[in-house]
Amino acid sequence: MVNTFVAVGLGALVALSPLAAIAQTDGAAQPMQVAQAAPNSAHAGGGGSHGRHLRHRGNTHKEQARAGAEHMRQMRMAPAAPKS
């Protein structure tokens, strides 16, 4: 519980420190500039869209299932040799 309060306090400190720095600067400073995303990225973080993520995740799951099935086929014991 105490760790939660410490984490929230540190998060607030990190989030609000730029606001304190802006308040201490001269009033007629240049306006803040917002970072622009690359024109071909799906969002500001880049890396593609949510749909692309879901397609990749689905393909990964198919590959894991296929590998698991192959492993189980190899783990089956070979039929015993006939007794003579």
PDB file of N, CA and C in Angstrom:
ATOM      1  N   MET A   1       0.827  -1.186   0.000  1.00  0.00           N
ATOM      2  CA  MET A   1       0.000   0.000   0.000  1.00  0.00           C
ATOM      3  C   MET A   1       0.872   1.250   0.000  1.00  0.00           C
ATOM      4  N   VAL A   2       1.914   1.215   0.842  1.00  0.00           N
ATOM      5  CA  VAL A   2       2.825   2.360   0.905  1.00  0.00           C
ATOM      6  C   VAL A   2       3.556   2.515  -0.426  1.00  0.00           C
ATOM      7  N   ASN A   3       3.908   1.384  -1.038  1.00  0.00           N
ATOM      8  CA  ASN A   3       4.585   1.448  -2.336  1.00  0.00           C
ATOM      9  C   ASN A   3       3.706   2.113  -3.383  1.00  0.00           C
ATOM     10  N   THR A   4       2.412   1.883  -3.299  1.00  0.00           N
ATOM     11  CA  THR A   4       1.492   2.503  -4.251  1.00  0.00           C
ATOM     12  C   THR A   4       1.500   4.022  -4.090  1.00  0.00           C
ATOM     13  N   PHE A   5       1.456   4.471  -2.835  1.00  0.00           N
ATOM     14  CA  PHE A   5       1.480   5.915  -2.597  1.00  0.00           C
ATOM     15  C   PHE A   5       2.792   6.538  -3.053  1.00  0.00           C
ATOM     16  N   VAL A   6       3.892   5.839  -2.825  1.00  0.00           N
ATOM     17  CA  VAL A   6       5.192   6.345  -3.264  1.00  0.00           C
ATOM     18  C   VAL A   6       5.233   6.416  -4.790  1.00  0.00           C
ATOM     19  N   ALA A   7       4.717   5.377  -5.460  1.00  0.00           N
ATOM     20  CA  ALA A   7       4.714   5.368  -6.924  1.00  0.00           C
ATOM     21  C   ALA A   7       3.841   6.497  -7.474  1.00  0.00           C
ATOM     22  N   VAL A   8       2.685   6.723  -6.872  1.00  0.00           N
ATOM     23  CA  VAL A   8       1.805   7.799  -7.334  1.00  0.00           C
ATOM     24  C   VAL A   8       2.473   9.153  -7.102  1.00  0.00           C
ATOM     25  N   GLY A   9       3.122   9.314  -5.959  1.00  0.00           N
ATOM     26  CA  GLY A   9       3.806  10.572  -5.678  1.00  0.00           C
ATOM     27  C   GLY A   9       4.944  10.845  -6.648  1.00  0.00           C
ATOM     28  N   LEU A  10       5.739   9.835  -6.945  1.00  0.00           N
ATOM     29  CA  LEU A  10       6.838  10.013  -7.892  1.00  0.00           C
ATOM     30  C   LEU A  10       6.306  10.283  -9.302  1.00  0.00           C
ATOM     31  N   GLY A  11       5.220   9.600  -9.663  1.00  0.00           N
ATOM     32  CA  GLY A  11       4.618   9.845 -10.977  1.00  0.00           C
ATOM     33  C   GLY A  11       4.112  11.269 -11.102  1.00  0.00           C
ATOM     34  N   ALA A  12       3.488  11.776 -10.038  1.00  0.00           N
ATOM     35  CA  ALA A  12       3.007  13.153 -10.058  1.00  0.00           C
ATOM     36  C   ALA A  12       4.175  14.134 -10.131  1.00  0.00           C
ATOM     37  N   LEU A  13       5.232  13.831  -9.426  1.00  0.00           N
ATOM     38  CA  LEU A  13       6.416  14.704  -9.453  1.00  0.00           C
ATOM     39  C   LEU A  13       6.997  14.778 -10.863  1.00  0.00           C
ATOM     40  N   VAL A  14       7.121  13.629 -11.504  1.00  0.00           N
ATOM     41  CA  VAL A  14       7.674  13.593 -12.861  1.00  0.00           C
ATOM     42  C   VAL A  14       6.733  14.277 -13.848  1.00  0.00           C
ATOM     43  N   ALA A  15       5.426  14.081 -13.677  1.00  0.00           N
ATOM     44  CA  ALA A  15       4.461  14.646 -14.615  1.00  0.00           C
ATOM     45  C   ALA A  15       4.330  16.156 -14.457  1.00  0.00           C
ATOM     46  N   LEU A  16       4.454  16.660 -13.241  1.00  0.00           N
ATOM     47  CA  LEU A  16       4.217  18.078 -13.004  1.00  0.00           C
ATOM     48  C   LEU A  16       5.484  18.935 -13.016  1.00  0.00           C
ATOM     49  N   SER A  17       6.655  18.315 -13.026  1.00  0.00           N
ATOM     50  CA  SER A  17       7.884  19.111 -13.011  1.00  0.00           C
ATOM     51  C   SER A  17       8.039  19.999 -14.252  1.00  0.00           C
ATOM     52  N   PRO A  18       7.655  19.573 -15.468  1.00  0.00           N
ATOM     53  CA  PRO A  18       7.748  20.493 -16.605  1.00  0.00           C
ATOM     54  C   PRO A  18       6.854  21.720 -16.447  1.00  0.00           C
ATOM     55  N   LEU A  19       5.702  21.554 -15.791  1.00  0.00           N
ATOM     56  CA  LEU A  19       4.812  22.694 -15.581  1.00  0.00           C
ATOM     57  C   LEU A  19       5.452  23.732 -14.665  1.00  0.00           C
ATOM     58  N   ALA A  20       6.165  23.276 -13.654  1.00  0.00           N
ATOM     59  CA  ALA A  20       6.845  24.202 -12.754  1.00  0.00           C
ATOM     60  C   ALA A  20       7.964  24.932 -13.491  1.00  0.00           C
ATOM     61  N   ALA A  21       8.658  24.240 -14.378  1.00  0.00           N
ATOM     62  CA  ALA A  21       9.731  24.870 -15.138  1.00  0.00           C
ATOM     63  C   ALA A  21       9.169  25.918 -16.093  1.00  0.00           C
ATOM     64  N   ILE A  22       8.020  25.652 -16.695  1.00  0.00           N
ATOM     65  CA  ILE A  22       7.400  26.617 -17.597  1.00  0.00           C
ATOM     66  C   ILE A  22       6.955  27.855 -16.825  1.00  0.00           C
ATOM     67  N   ALA A  23       6.431  27.641 -15.623  1.00  0.00           N
ATOM     68  CA  ALA A  23       5.948  28.761 -14.820  1.00  0.00           C
ATOM     69  C   ALA A  23       7.080  29.681 -14.396  1.00  0.00           C
ATOM     70  N   GLN A  24       8.306  29.180 -14.290  1.00  0.00           N
ATOM     71  CA  GLN A  24       9.433  29.983 -13.845  1.00  0.00           C
ATOM     72  C   GLN A  24      10.093  30.750 -14.980  1.00  0.00           C
ATOM     73  N   THR A  25       9.775  30.455 -16.221  1.00  0.00           N
ATOM     74  CA  THR A  25      10.399  31.139 -17.344  1.00  0.00           C
ATOM     75  C   THR A  25       9.718  32.472 -17.594  1.00  0.00           C
ATOM     76  N   ASP A  26      10.296  33.290 -18.481  1.00  0.00           N
ATOM     77  CA  ASP A  26       9.713  34.585 -18.826  1.00  0.00           C
ATOM     78  C   ASP A  26       8.347  34.384 -19.470  1.00  0.00           C
ATOM     79  N   GLY A  27       7.459  35.330 -19.264  1.00  0.00           N
ATOM     80  CA  GLY A  27       6.095  35.221 -19.757  1.00  0.00           C
ATOM     81  C   GLY A  27       5.997  35.271 -21.264  1.00  0.00           C
ATOM     82  N   ALA A  28       6.844  36.055 -21.960  1.00  0.00           N
ATOM     83  CA  ALA A  28       6.725  36.218 -23.401  1.00  0.00           C
ATOM     84  C   ALA A  28       7.692  35.301 -24.142  1.00  0.00           C
ATOM     85  N   ALA A  29       7.799  34.081 -23.702  1.00  0.00           N
ATOM     86  CA  ALA A  29       8.696  33.131 -24.359  1.00  0.00           C
ATOM     87  C   ALA A  29       8.023  32.571 -25.614  1.00  0.00           C
ATOM     88  N   GLN A  30       8.768  31.797 -26.371  1.00  0.00           N
ATOM     89  CA  GLN A  30       8.227  31.203 -27.581  1.00  0.00           C
ATOM     90  C   GLN A  30       7.189  30.151 -27.220  1.00  0.00           C
ATOM     91  N   PRO A  31       6.181  29.954 -28.061  1.00  0.00           N
ATOM     92  CA  PRO A  31       5.167  28.941 -27.751  1.00  0.00           C
ATOM     93  C   PRO A  31       5.764  27.538 -27.786  1.00  0.00           C
ATOM     94  N   MET A  32       5.158  26.631 -27.011  1.00  0.00           N
ATOM     95  CA  MET A  32       5.644  25.249 -26.978  1.00  0.00           C
ATOM     96  C   MET A  32       5.380  24.581 -28.316  1.00  0.00           C
ATOM     97  N   GLN A  33       6.304  23.756 -28.754  1.00  0.00           N
ATOM     98  CA  GLN A  33       6.157  23.046 -30.010  1.00  0.00           C
ATOM     99  C   GLN A  33       5.772  21.609 -29.710  1.00  0.00           C
ATOM    100  N   VAL A  34       4.850  21.090 -30.484  1.00  0.00           N
ATOM    101  CA  VAL A  34       4.387  19.724 -30.308  1.00  0.00           C
ATOM    102  C   VAL A  34       5.113  18.846 -31.315  1.00  0.00           C
ATOM    103  N   ALA A  35       5.610  17.703 -30.839  1.00  0.00           N
ATOM    104  CA  ALA A  35       6.305  16.781 -31.736  1.00  0.00           C
ATOM    105  C   ALA A  35       5.314  16.195 -32.733  1.00  0.00           C
ATOM    106  N   GLN A  36       5.717  16.141 -33.988  1.00  0.00           N
ATOM    107  CA  GLN A  36       4.860  15.602 -35.033  1.00  0.00           C
ATOM    108  C   GLN A  36       5.252  14.157 -35.310  1.00  0.00           C
ATOM    109  N   ALA A  37       4.266  13.325 -35.564  1.00  0.00           N
ATOM    110  CA  ALA A  37       4.519  11.931 -35.905  1.00  0.00           C
ATOM    111  C   ALA A  37       5.038  11.853 -37.343  1.00  0.00           C
ATOM    112  N   ALA A  38       5.745  10.795 -37.632  1.00  0.00           N
ATOM    113  CA  ALA A  38       6.207  10.574 -38.994  1.00  0.00           C
ATOM    114  C   ALA A  38       4.985  10.402 -39.892  1.00  0.00           C
ATOM    115  N   PRO A  39       5.036  10.866 -41.136  1.00  0.00           N
ATOM    116  CA  PRO A  39       3.842  10.817 -41.986  1.00  0.00           C
ATOM    117  C   PRO A  39       3.347   9.414 -42.301  1.00  0.00           C
ATOM    118  N   ASN A  40       4.222   8.404 -42.267  1.00  0.00           N
ATOM    119  CA  ASN A  40       3.780   7.066 -42.639  1.00  0.00           C
ATOM    120  C   ASN A  40       3.513   6.163 -41.441  1.00  0.00           C
ATOM    121  N   SER A  41       3.643   6.679 -40.213  1.00  0.00           N
ATOM    122  CA  SER A  41       3.375   5.825 -39.056  1.00  0.00           C
ATOM    123  C   SER A  41       1.902   5.922 -38.694  1.00  0.00           C
ATOM    124  N   ALA A  42       1.413   4.905 -38.040  1.00  0.00           N
ATOM    125  CA  ALA A  42      -0.008   4.859 -37.710  1.00  0.00           C
ATOM    126  C   ALA A  42      -0.334   5.742 -36.515  1.00  0.00           C
ATOM    127  N   HIS A  43       0.621   5.958 -35.643  1.00  0.00           N
ATOM    128  CA  HIS A  43       0.391   6.807 -34.477  1.00  0.00           C
ATOM    129  C   HIS A  43       1.713   7.405 -34.032  1.00  0.00           C
ATOM    130  N   ALA A  44       1.687   8.223 -33.001  1.00  0.00           N
ATOM    131  CA  ALA A  44       2.869   8.976 -32.604  1.00  0.00           C
ATOM    132  C   ALA A  44       4.024   8.066 -32.204  1.00  0.00           C
ATOM    133  N   GLY A  45       3.734   6.903 -31.618  1.00  0.00           N
ATOM    134  CA  GLY A  45       4.792   5.996 -31.189  1.00  0.00           C
ATOM    135  C   GLY A  45       5.406   5.230 -32.337  1.00  0.00           C
ATOM    136  N   GLY A  46       4.741   5.218 -33.493  1.00  0.00           N
ATOM    137  CA  GLY A  46       5.232   4.451 -34.626  1.00  0.00           C
ATOM    138  C   GLY A  46       4.998   2.972 -34.404  1.00  0.00           C
ATOM    139  N   GLY A  47       5.470   2.150 -35.295  1.00  0.00           N
ATOM    140  CA  GLY A  47       5.398   0.719 -35.110  1.00  0.00           C
ATOM    141  C   GLY A  47       4.174   0.059 -35.708  1.00  0.00           C
ATOM    142  N   GLY A  48       3.269   0.788 -36.293  1.00  0.00           N
ATOM    143  CA  GLY A  48       2.148   0.170 -36.967  1.00  0.00           C
ATOM    144  C   GLY A  48       0.844   0.348 -36.229  1.00  0.00           C
ATOM    145  N   SER A  49      -0.183  -0.245 -36.774  1.00  0.00           N
ATOM    146  CA  SER A  49      -1.523  -0.063 -36.254  1.00  0.00           C
ATOM    147  C   SER A  49      -1.908  -1.195 -35.318  1.00  0.00           C
ATOM    148  N   HIS A  50      -3.054  -1.011 -34.677  1.00  0.00           N
ATOM    149  CA  HIS A  50      -3.578  -2.043 -33.786  1.00  0.00           C
ATOM    150  C   HIS A  50      -3.942  -3.295 -34.577  1.00  0.00           C
ATOM    151  N   GLY A  51      -4.503  -3.097 -35.781  1.00  0.00           N
ATOM    152  CA  GLY A  51      -4.850  -4.246 -36.618  1.00  0.00           C
ATOM    153  C   GLY A  51      -3.623  -5.053 -37.012  1.00  0.00           C
ATOM    154  N   ARG A  52      -2.536  -4.354 -37.307  1.00  0.00           N
ATOM    155  CA  ARG A  52      -1.295  -5.051 -37.661  1.00  0.00           C
ATOM    156  C   ARG A  52      -0.804  -5.872 -36.484  1.00  0.00           C
ATOM    157  N   HIS A  53      -0.916  -5.304 -35.293  1.00  0.00           N
ATOM    158  CA  HIS A  53      -0.507  -6.022 -34.084  1.00  0.00           C
ATOM    159  C   HIS A  53      -1.338  -7.289 -33.906  1.00  0.00           C
ATOM    160  N   LEU A  54      -2.658  -7.177 -34.110  1.00  0.00           N
ATOM    161  CA  LEU A  54      -3.524  -8.343 -33.937  1.00  0.00           C
ATOM    162  C   LEU A  54      -3.229  -9.415 -34.976  1.00  0.00           C
ATOM    163  N   ARG A  55      -2.962  -9.005 -36.229  1.00  0.00           N
ATOM    164  CA  ARG A  55      -2.622  -9.995 -37.256  1.00  0.00           C
ATOM    165  C   ARG A  55      -1.332 -10.716 -36.899  1.00  0.00           C
ATOM    166  N   HIS A  56      -0.337  -9.977 -36.461  1.00  0.00           N
ATOM    167  CA  HIS A  56       0.942 -10.589 -36.094  1.00  0.00           C
ATOM    168  C   HIS A  56       0.754 -11.553 -34.925  1.00  0.00           C
ATOM    169  N   ARG A  57      -0.044 -11.131 -33.954  1.00  0.00           N
ATOM    170  CA  ARG A  57      -0.284 -11.964 -32.776  1.00  0.00           C
ATOM    171  C   ARG A  57      -1.003 -13.254 -33.161  1.00  0.00           C
ATOM    172  N   GLY A  58      -1.975 -13.142 -34.074  1.00  0.00           N
ATOM    173  CA  GLY A  58      -2.687 -14.331 -34.537  1.00  0.00           C
ATOM    174  C   GLY A  58      -1.769 -15.291 -35.266  1.00  0.00           C
ATOM    175  N   ASN A  59      -0.897 -14.756 -36.118  1.00  0.00           N
ATOM    176  CA  ASN A  59       0.048 -15.614 -36.826  1.00  0.00           C
ATOM    177  C   ASN A  59       1.018 -16.265 -35.863  1.00  0.00           C
ATOM    178  N   THR A  60       1.456 -15.540 -34.853  1.00  0.00           N
ATOM    179  CA  THR A  60       2.368 -16.101 -33.860  1.00  0.00           C
ATOM    180  C   THR A  60       1.699 -17.254 -33.128  1.00  0.00           C
ATOM    181  N   HIS A  61       0.435 -17.084 -32.768  1.00  0.00           N
ATOM    182  CA  HIS A  61      -0.283 -18.149 -32.069  1.00  0.00           C
ATOM    183  C   HIS A  61      -0.439 -19.378 -32.963  1.00  0.00           C
ATOM    184  N   LYS A  62      -0.690 -19.157 -34.270  1.00  0.00           N
ATOM    185  CA  LYS A  62      -0.800 -20.289 -35.189  1.00  0.00           C
ATOM    186  C   LYS A  62       0.532 -21.040 -35.267  1.00  0.00           C
ATOM    187  N   GLU A  63       1.639 -20.302 -35.333  1.00  0.00           N
ATOM    188  CA  GLU A  63       2.952 -20.937 -35.411  1.00  0.00           C
ATOM    189  C   GLU A  63       3.253 -21.726 -34.145  1.00  0.00           C
ATOM    190  N   GLN A  64       2.890 -21.168 -32.984  1.00  0.00           N
ATOM    191  CA  GLN A  64       3.124 -21.879 -31.731  1.00  0.00           C
ATOM    192  C   GLN A  64       2.273 -23.136 -31.649  1.00  0.00           C
ATOM    193  N   ALA A  65       1.033 -23.066 -32.095  1.00  0.00           N
ATOM    194  CA  ALA A  65       0.167 -24.243 -32.076  1.00  0.00           C
ATOM    195  C   ALA A  65       0.705 -25.320 -33.016  1.00  0.00           C
ATOM    196  N   ARG A  66       1.159 -24.900 -34.192  1.00  0.00           N
ATOM    197  CA  ARG A  66       1.712 -25.852 -35.162  1.00  0.00           C
ATOM    198  C   ARG A  66       2.958 -26.525 -34.593  1.00  0.00           C
ATOM    199  N   ALA A  67       3.830 -25.735 -33.950  1.00  0.00           N
ATOM    200  CA  ALA A  67       5.050 -26.298 -33.372  1.00  0.00           C
ATOM    201  C   ALA A  67       4.716 -27.247 -32.221  1.00  0.00           C
ATOM    202  N   GLY A  68       3.712 -26.885 -31.427  1.00  0.00           N
ATOM    203  CA  GLY A  68       3.318 -27.760 -30.320  1.00  0.00           C
ATOM    204  C   GLY A  68       2.767 -29.082 -30.808  1.00  0.00           C
ATOM    205  N   ALA A  69       1.957 -29.039 -31.881  1.00  0.00           N
ATOM    206  CA  ALA A  69       1.404 -30.272 -32.436  1.00  0.00           C
ATOM    207  C   ALA A  69       2.515 -31.154 -33.000  1.00  0.00           C
ATOM    208  N   GLU A  70       3.463 -30.551 -33.675  1.00  0.00           N
ATOM    209  CA  GLU A  70       4.594 -31.318 -34.218  1.00  0.00           C
ATOM    210  C   GLU A  70       5.401 -31.957 -33.094  1.00  0.00           C
ATOM    211  N   HIS A  71       5.592 -31.238 -32.032  1.00  0.00           N
ATOM    212  CA  HIS A  71       6.336 -31.771 -30.881  1.00  0.00           C
ATOM    213  C   HIS A  71       5.599 -32.973 -30.296  1.00  0.00           C
ATOM    214  N   MET A  72       4.278 -32.859 -30.158  1.00  0.00           N
ATOM    215  CA  MET A  72       3.513 -33.973 -29.599  1.00  0.00           C
ATOM    216  C   MET A  72       3.567 -35.191 -30.520  1.00  0.00           C
ATOM    217  N   ARG A  73       3.563 -34.969 -31.838  1.00  0.00           N
ATOM    218  CA  ARG A  73       3.676 -36.097 -32.769  1.00  0.00           C
ATOM    219  C   ARG A  73       5.021 -36.796 -32.604  1.00  0.00           C
ATOM    220  N   GLN A  74       6.081 -36.024 -32.394  1.00  0.00           N
ATOM    221  CA  GLN A  74       7.406 -36.620 -32.237  1.00  0.00           C
ATOM    222  C   GLN A  74       7.566 -37.312 -30.894  1.00  0.00           C
ATOM    223  N   MET A  75       6.809 -36.865 -29.886  1.00  0.00           N
ATOM    224  CA  MET A  75       6.940 -37.446 -28.559  1.00  0.00           C
ATOM    225  C   MET A  75       6.216 -38.784 -28.424  1.00  0.00           C
ATOM    226  N   ARG A  76       5.311 -39.079 -29.342  1.00  0.00           N
ATOM    227  CA  ARG A  76       4.615 -40.366 -29.263  1.00  0.00           C
ATOM    228  C   ARG A  76       5.629 -41.491 -29.388  1.00  0.00           C
ATOM    229  N   MET A  77       5.420 -42.478 -28.603  1.00  0.00           N
ATOM    230  CA  MET A  77       6.364 -43.609 -28.648  1.00  0.00           C
ATOM    231  C   MET A  77       6.119 -44.416 -29.919  1.00  0.00           C
ATOM    232  N   ALA A  78       7.164 -44.922 -30.496  1.00  0.00           N
ATOM    233  CA  ALA A  78       7.056 -45.767 -31.686  1.00  0.00           C
ATOM    234  C   ALA A  78       6.403 -47.099 -31.267  1.00  0.00           C
ATOM    235  N   PRO A  79       5.668 -47.707 -32.172  1.00  0.00           N
ATOM    236  CA  PRO A  79       5.047 -48.987 -31.799  1.00  0.00           C
ATOM    237  C   PRO A  79       6.108 -50.025 -31.416  1.00  0.00           C
ATOM    238  N   ALA A  80       5.748 -50.840 -30.457  1.00  0.00           N
ATOM    239  CA  ALA A  80       6.700 -51.854 -29.968  1.00  0.00           C
ATOM    240  C   ALA A  80       6.969 -52.894 -31.047  1.00  0.00           C
ATOM    241  N   ALA A  81       8.182 -53.432 -31.027  1.00  0.00           N
ATOM    242  CA  ALA A  81       8.543 -54.469 -32.004  1.00  0.00           C
ATOM    243  C   ALA A  81       7.758 -55.745 -31.668  1.00  0.00           C
ATOM    244  N   PRO A  82       7.337 -56.469 -32.699  1.00  0.00           N
ATOM    245  CA  PRO A  82       6.599 -57.718 -32.422  1.00  0.00           C
ATOM    246  C   PRO A  82       7.474 -58.736 -31.695  1.00  0.00           C
ATOM    247  N   LYS A  83       6.859 -59.446 -30.754  1.00  0.00           N
ATOM    248  CA  LYS A  83       7.588 -60.470 -29.990  1.00  0.00           C
ATOM    249  C   LYS A  83       7.730 -61.719 -30.855  1.00  0.00           C
ATOM    250  N   SER A  84       8.895 -62.343 -30.752  1.00  0.00           N
ATOM    251  CA  SER A  84       9.057 -63.561 -31.543  1.00  0.00           C
ATOM    252  C   SER A  84       9.333 -64.747 -30.657  1.00  0.00           C
TER     253      SER A  84
END
